Protein backbone atom coordinates (compact mmCIF):
# COMPACT_ATOMS: atom_id res chain seq x y z
CA MET A 1 0.00 0.00 0.00
CA SER A 2 2.83 2.39 0.87
CA ALA A 3 4.57 1.64 -2.42
CA MET A 4 1.35 2.31 -4.35
CA ARG A 5 0.81 5.60 -2.51
CA LYS A 6 4.37 6.68 -3.23
CA ARG A 7 3.94 5.85 -6.90
CA ILE A 8 0.70 7.85 -7.08
CA TYR A 9 2.51 10.79 -5.47
CA GLU A 10 5.25 10.52 -8.07
CA LEU A 11 2.73 10.36 -10.90
CA LEU A 12 0.71 13.35 -9.73
CA ASP A 13 3.16 15.63 -7.94
CA ALA A 14 6.79 14.58 -7.85
CA GLY A 15 7.46 13.13 -11.28
CA THR A 16 10.78 13.90 -12.94
CA GLY A 17 11.48 14.67 -16.56
CA THR A 18 12.58 11.08 -17.13
CA ASP A 19 9.38 9.56 -15.68
CA VAL A 20 7.40 8.72 -18.81
CA ALA A 21 4.26 7.73 -16.90
CA SER A 22 4.24 10.97 -14.91
CA ARG A 23 4.62 13.00 -18.08
CA ALA A 24 1.78 11.02 -19.68
CA VAL A 25 -0.51 11.79 -16.72
CA ASP A 26 0.41 15.47 -16.92
CA TYR A 27 -0.32 15.62 -20.65
CA ALA A 28 -3.63 13.78 -20.20
CA LEU A 29 -4.75 16.21 -17.50
CA MET A 30 -3.67 19.15 -19.62
CA VAL A 31 -5.74 17.90 -22.56
CA LEU A 32 -8.78 17.28 -20.33
CA ILE A 33 -8.56 20.71 -18.68
CA SER A 34 -8.15 22.39 -22.07
CA ALA A 35 -11.17 20.48 -23.40
CA ASN A 36 -13.24 21.71 -20.45
CA VAL A 37 -12.24 25.33 -21.03
CA ILE A 38 -13.09 25.03 -24.74
CA ALA A 39 -16.43 23.44 -23.86
CA VAL A 40 -17.32 26.31 -21.50
CA ILE A 41 -16.48 28.80 -24.24
CA PHE A 42 -18.68 27.09 -26.83
CA GLU A 43 -21.50 26.53 -24.32
CA SER A 44 -21.84 30.30 -24.10
CA MET A 45 -23.10 30.20 -27.72
CA PRO A 46 -26.83 29.29 -27.53
CA GLU A 47 -26.99 27.64 -30.95
CA VAL A 48 -23.97 25.42 -30.23
CA GLU A 49 -25.15 24.60 -26.71
CA GLN A 50 -28.56 23.46 -27.94
CA THR A 51 -27.11 21.31 -30.71
CA HIS A 52 -24.42 19.59 -28.63
CA ARG A 53 -26.00 19.66 -25.17
CA ALA A 54 -25.63 15.90 -24.68
CA LEU A 55 -21.93 16.03 -25.63
CA PHE A 56 -21.25 18.85 -23.21
CA SER A 57 -23.11 17.01 -20.45
CA SER A 58 -21.16 13.80 -21.04
CA LEU A 59 -17.85 15.68 -21.02
CA GLU A 60 -18.82 17.37 -17.76
CA VAL A 61 -19.67 14.08 -16.04
CA PHE A 62 -16.52 12.41 -17.32
CA SER A 63 -14.31 15.36 -16.34
CA VAL A 64 -15.74 15.67 -12.85
CA THR A 65 -15.25 11.93 -12.32
CA ILE A 66 -11.58 12.15 -13.34
CA PHE A 67 -10.98 15.32 -11.35
CA THR A 68 -12.63 13.82 -8.26
CA ILE A 69 -10.49 10.70 -8.45
CA GLU A 70 -7.44 12.88 -8.96
CA TYR A 71 -8.29 15.08 -5.96
CA ILE A 72 -8.84 12.08 -3.65
CA ALA A 73 -5.62 10.48 -4.90
CA ARG A 74 -3.66 13.69 -4.27
CA VAL A 75 -5.03 14.00 -0.74
CA TRP A 76 -4.28 10.33 -0.03
CA ALA A 77 -0.71 10.55 -1.38
CA ALA A 78 0.07 13.96 0.14
CA VAL A 79 1.77 12.34 3.14
CA GLU A 80 4.58 11.16 0.87
CA LYS A 81 5.94 14.69 0.76
CA GLN A 82 8.90 14.95 3.10
CA GLY A 83 9.53 17.60 5.75
CA ASP A 84 7.51 20.18 7.70
CA GLY A 85 5.09 17.60 9.07
CA HIS A 86 3.71 16.66 5.66
CA ASP A 87 4.29 12.99 6.39
CA HIS A 88 1.80 13.05 9.30
CA PRO A 89 -1.31 11.06 8.27
CA ILE A 90 -3.74 13.80 9.34
CA ILE A 91 -1.79 17.06 9.53
CA GLY A 92 -0.02 16.36 6.25
CA ARG A 93 -3.26 15.83 4.39
CA LEU A 94 -4.91 18.87 5.99
CA ARG A 95 -1.93 21.00 5.01
CA TYR A 96 -2.25 19.84 1.46
CA MET A 97 -6.01 20.49 1.39
CA LEU A 98 -5.39 24.08 2.47
CA THR A 99 -2.86 24.80 -0.28
CA PRO A 100 -4.09 27.21 -2.99
CA MET A 101 -4.08 24.59 -5.76
CA ALA A 102 -5.96 22.05 -3.63
CA VAL A 103 -8.59 24.67 -2.72
CA LEU A 104 -8.92 25.51 -6.40
CA ASP A 105 -9.37 21.82 -7.24
CA LEU A 106 -12.18 21.60 -4.69
CA LEU A 107 -13.88 24.81 -5.85
CA VAL A 108 -14.26 23.59 -9.42
CA LEU A 109 -15.84 20.35 -8.17
CA LEU A 110 -18.31 21.67 -5.61
CA PRO A 111 -20.81 23.28 -8.06
CA PHE A 112 -21.34 19.89 -9.72
CA PHE A 113 -22.07 18.04 -6.47
CA PHE A 114 -23.88 20.91 -4.72
CA PRO A 115 -25.55 22.99 -7.46
CA ASN A 116 -28.03 24.55 -5.04
CA VAL A 117 -25.36 25.58 -2.53
CA LEU A 118 -22.99 27.24 -4.98
CA ASN A 119 -25.20 28.60 -7.71
CA VAL A 120 -22.18 29.88 -9.61
CA ASP A 121 -20.50 28.43 -12.70
CA LEU A 122 -16.87 28.02 -11.66
CA ARG A 123 -15.88 25.74 -14.50
CA MET A 124 -13.78 28.46 -16.12
CA LEU A 125 -11.54 28.28 -13.07
CA ARG A 126 -10.38 24.92 -14.37
CA ALA A 127 -8.12 26.84 -16.71
CA LEU A 128 -6.11 27.85 -13.64
CA ARG A 129 -5.47 24.17 -12.97
CA LEU A 130 -3.12 24.26 -15.93
CA LEU A 131 -0.71 25.97 -13.55
CA ARG A 132 -0.32 22.62 -11.81
CA VAL A 133 0.76 20.72 -14.90
CA LEU A 134 3.22 23.43 -15.88
CA ARG A 135 5.72 21.38 -13.91
CA LEU A 136 6.25 19.43 -17.11
CA THR A 137 9.94 19.46 -18.01
CA ARG A 138 9.48 21.64 -21.06
CA TYR A 139 7.55 24.22 -19.00
CA SER A 140 8.94 23.98 -15.46
CA SER A 141 12.37 25.33 -16.40
CA SER A 142 10.75 28.30 -18.12
CA MET A 143 8.50 28.95 -15.13
CA ALA A 144 11.47 28.65 -12.78
CA LEU A 145 13.40 31.06 -14.99
CA LEU A 146 10.50 33.54 -14.93
CA ILE A 147 10.29 33.35 -11.14
CA ASN A 148 14.05 33.82 -10.79
CA VAL A 149 14.05 36.82 -13.11
CA LEU A 150 11.11 38.39 -11.27
CA HIS A 151 12.93 37.82 -7.98
CA ASP A 152 16.20 39.29 -9.25
CA GLU A 153 14.56 42.29 -10.89
CA ALA A 154 11.89 42.83 -8.23
CA ARG A 155 13.40 46.03 -6.84
CA ASN A 156 14.00 47.58 -10.27
CA ILE A 157 10.56 46.64 -11.54
CA GLY A 158 8.99 47.83 -8.28
CA ALA A 159 10.77 51.19 -8.60
CA ALA A 160 9.58 51.58 -12.20
CA LEU A 161 6.00 50.71 -11.27
CA PHE A 162 6.11 53.12 -8.32
CA VAL A 163 7.21 55.98 -10.60
CA LEU A 164 4.53 55.01 -13.13
CA ILE A 165 1.80 55.02 -10.46
CA LEU A 166 3.08 58.37 -9.17
CA LEU A 167 2.90 59.85 -12.66
CA ILE A 168 -0.63 58.48 -13.14
CA VAL A 169 -1.79 60.06 -9.88
CA MET A 170 -0.18 63.39 -10.74
CA ALA A 171 -1.63 63.30 -14.26
CA GLY A 172 -5.09 62.49 -12.93
CA GLY A 173 -4.92 65.28 -10.36
CA LEU A 174 -3.68 67.94 -12.77
CA SER A 175 -6.15 66.93 -15.50
CA TYR A 176 -8.95 67.12 -12.93
CA TYR A 177 -8.14 70.76 -12.14
CA ALA A 178 -7.76 71.60 -15.83
CA GLU A 179 -10.94 69.91 -17.12
CA ARG A 180 -13.42 69.72 -14.23
CA GLU A 181 -15.36 72.83 -15.22
CA VAL A 182 -15.51 72.02 -18.93
CA GLN A 183 -16.23 68.26 -18.56
CA PRO A 184 -17.72 67.64 -15.11
CA GLU A 185 -19.12 64.28 -16.19
CA ALA A 186 -15.68 62.91 -17.17
CA PHE A 187 -13.43 64.85 -14.79
CA GLY A 188 -15.84 65.36 -11.92
CA SER A 189 -13.36 63.90 -9.42
CA ILE A 190 -9.72 62.85 -9.27
CA PRO A 191 -10.62 59.11 -9.26
CA ALA A 192 -12.67 59.71 -12.43
CA ALA A 193 -9.75 61.58 -14.00
CA LEU A 194 -7.45 58.68 -13.15
CA TRP A 195 -9.32 56.56 -15.73
CA TRP A 196 -8.30 58.99 -18.45
CA ALA A 197 -4.73 59.11 -17.10
CA VAL A 198 -4.39 55.31 -17.09
CA VAL A 199 -5.85 54.96 -20.59
CA THR A 200 -3.57 57.67 -21.89
CA MET A 201 -0.36 56.50 -20.21
CA THR A 202 -0.85 52.90 -21.29
CA THR A 203 -1.39 54.21 -24.86
CA ILE A 204 -4.75 52.42 -25.11
CA GLY A 205 -6.62 55.59 -26.00
CA TYR A 206 -10.29 54.58 -26.11
CA GLY A 207 -11.25 58.10 -27.10
CA ASP A 208 -14.22 58.22 -24.71
CA VAL A 209 -12.59 61.06 -22.75
CA VAL A 210 -10.62 63.79 -24.57
CA PRO A 211 -9.20 66.99 -23.00
CA GLN A 212 -10.80 70.17 -24.34
CA THR A 213 -8.91 72.92 -22.54
CA ALA A 214 -5.46 74.14 -23.54
CA TRP A 215 -3.91 73.05 -20.24
CA GLY A 216 -5.59 69.67 -20.53
CA ARG A 217 -4.17 69.11 -24.00
CA ILE A 218 -0.72 70.20 -22.90
CA MET A 219 -0.98 67.74 -20.02
CA ALA A 220 -2.06 64.98 -22.43
CA THR A 221 0.92 65.73 -24.70
CA ILE A 222 3.41 65.56 -21.84
CA ILE A 223 1.86 62.39 -20.44
CA GLY A 224 1.83 60.74 -23.86
CA ILE A 225 5.53 61.44 -24.44
CA ILE A 226 6.64 60.36 -20.96
CA SER A 227 4.48 57.24 -20.89
CA VAL A 228 6.08 55.78 -24.04
CA GLY A 229 9.24 55.03 -22.07
CA MET A 230 7.76 54.53 -18.62
CA VAL A 231 5.21 51.87 -19.60
CA ALA A 232 7.82 49.95 -21.60
CA LEU A 233 10.45 50.11 -18.83
CA PRO A 234 9.25 47.05 -16.81
CA ALA A 235 9.08 45.01 -20.00
CA GLY A 236 12.61 46.08 -20.87
CA LEU A 237 13.85 45.10 -17.42
CA LEU A 238 12.24 41.67 -17.78
CA ALA A 239 13.70 41.18 -21.25
CA SER A 240 17.16 42.13 -20.02
CA GLY A 241 16.81 39.83 -17.00
CA PHE A 242 15.73 36.94 -19.23
CA SER A 243 18.68 37.49 -21.55
CA GLU A 244 21.16 37.49 -18.67
CA ALA A 245 19.58 34.45 -17.03
CA LEU A 246 19.61 32.47 -20.29
CA HIS A 247 23.25 33.38 -20.81
CA ARG A 248 24.12 32.23 -17.29
CA ARG A 249 22.34 28.92 -17.85
CA ARG A 250 24.14 28.38 -21.12
CA VAL A 251 27.48 29.09 -19.45
CA GLU A 252 26.64 26.67 -16.62
CA PHE A 253 25.89 23.92 -19.14
CA GLU A 254 29.07 24.67 -21.06
CA ASN A 255 31.10 24.38 -17.85
CA LEU A 256 29.50 21.01 -17.11
CA VAL A 257 30.36 19.81 -20.61
CA LEU A 258 33.97 20.98 -20.20
CA ASP A 259 34.22 19.13 -16.90
CA ALA A 260 32.89 15.99 -18.56
CA LEU A 261 35.42 16.37 -21.39
CA SER A 262 38.35 16.83 -19.01
CA ASP A 263 39.28 13.15 -19.32
CA GLY A 264 38.93 13.18 -23.10
CA GLU A 265 35.53 11.46 -23.44
CA ILE A 266 31.99 11.46 -22.06
CA ASP A 267 30.89 8.19 -20.49
CA GLU A 268 27.31 7.05 -19.88
CA SER A 269 27.07 8.51 -16.37
CA GLU A 270 28.34 11.89 -17.55
CA GLU A 271 25.97 11.80 -20.51
CA SER A 272 23.05 11.12 -18.17
CA ALA A 273 24.16 13.97 -15.89
CA LEU A 274 24.38 16.31 -18.89
CA ARG A 275 20.90 15.30 -20.00
CA ILE A 276 19.53 16.13 -16.56
CA ALA A 277 21.46 19.42 -16.57
CA GLN A 278 20.01 20.25 -19.98
CA GLU A 279 16.47 19.79 -18.68
CA ALA A 280 17.25 21.77 -15.53
CA THR A 281 18.71 24.70 -17.46
CA GLY A 282 15.86 24.76 -19.97
CA LEU A 283 18.06 24.27 -23.04
CA SER A 284 16.49 22.59 -26.05
CA GLY A 285 17.92 19.31 -27.26
CA ARG A 286 19.21 20.96 -30.43
CA GLU A 287 20.91 23.77 -28.51
CA ALA A 288 22.51 21.35 -26.05
CA ALA A 289 23.71 19.15 -28.90
CA SER A 290 25.20 22.18 -30.65
CA ILE A 291 27.07 23.21 -27.49
CA LEU A 292 28.34 19.68 -26.99
CA LYS A 293 29.50 19.37 -30.61
CA ASN A 294 31.31 22.73 -30.57
CA LEU A 295 33.05 22.03 -27.27
CA GLU A 296 34.07 18.54 -28.36
CA LYS A 297 35.58 20.03 -31.51
CA ARG A 298 37.29 22.70 -29.44
CA HIS A 299 38.63 20.10 -27.04
CA LYS A 300 40.10 18.03 -29.89
CA GLN A 301 41.77 21.11 -31.34
CA LEU A 302 43.36 21.93 -28.00
CA GLN A 303 44.71 18.40 -27.74
CA GLN A 304 46.64 18.78 -30.96
CA ARG A 305 50.33 19.65 -30.57
CA CYS A 306 52.64 21.60 -32.80
CA PRO A 307 55.30 19.21 -34.21
CA HIS A 308 57.97 21.91 -33.85
CA CYS A 309 57.50 23.38 -30.37
CA GLY A 310 55.10 20.91 -28.73
CA LYS A 311 52.64 23.63 -27.72
CA PRO A 312 48.89 23.06 -28.08
CA ILE A 313 47.54 24.25 -31.42
CA ASP A 314 44.58 26.62 -31.08
CA THR A 315 42.70 27.47 -34.26
CA GLY A 316 40.32 29.69 -32.32
CA GLY A 317 42.75 32.42 -31.31
CA GLY A 318 43.48 31.46 -27.69
CA GLY A 319 46.93 29.85 -27.93
CA HIS A 320 49.65 28.77 -30.33
CA LYS A 321 48.47 29.48 -33.90
CA ARG A 322 48.49 26.93 -36.70
CA MET A 323 50.95 28.48 -39.18
CA GLY A 324 50.76 25.85 -41.94
CA LYS A 325 53.14 23.06 -42.68
CA PHE A 326 56.13 25.44 -42.78
CA GLY A 327 55.15 27.28 -39.60
């Protein structure tokens, strides 16, 4: 029983990139969740809902059955998680049931079993359950990278957002004093003027509110020019952080390859370790293969010796140059 529970935990929560069964379960759940979201979208169309009502009903029953079994299995296997009292048969399961994802799982099931208690359609929340299966190898590294970049750039992004909010408040306040007498319905208060400021600074420009006074138009011109850079600043910080993080991961993988090549060849254990490192760093198979090929070629070149002086021959510019057969 313990072995079965551990295996269920591995399939649902702790599977690795090399666990084919765990990946299959993740993909199956992703497809089922996506099908539910698509069904909810099409059910909002009366003509489609009337034509395929039986299909939608069957999909709902099937999905709720699978999701219920999955929820019970997750609660049962939650004690397999190590540390912080998670292995306690009662406390561990209660802790799991109070986690955000477990609460979300329960919320999307309750309307089906208790339609009169929760008279709200929460099926669209099932889309959020895709966050759980983003632990797939091809997604988890990207999500981890995003979290790391947000953590590293949190202070810079926070400072940029603070300045942006400050500018929005100032723009809303100044536009209120400039336009309140001419357009009391649109600029009757500073909170109302903030709508125009946000729309203008984010360059959305619905056109429902337009300054009419000279000072209001001057304010709109200044805000429009400043906002072009300010709104794009957080995105630029994220892009720069991503670029640096990807470069660091590539360098880390290259260093691991160089270590593996230190003895002249890569054995099976080193190849397995490099494969795991590739998945951990988020490199594609083609990119990792390209790095490996280039470094192997580089390593062979460095092993070559000049027949005249005995120094390593470097065709890449880092050591003794190949001068030709008369060099």
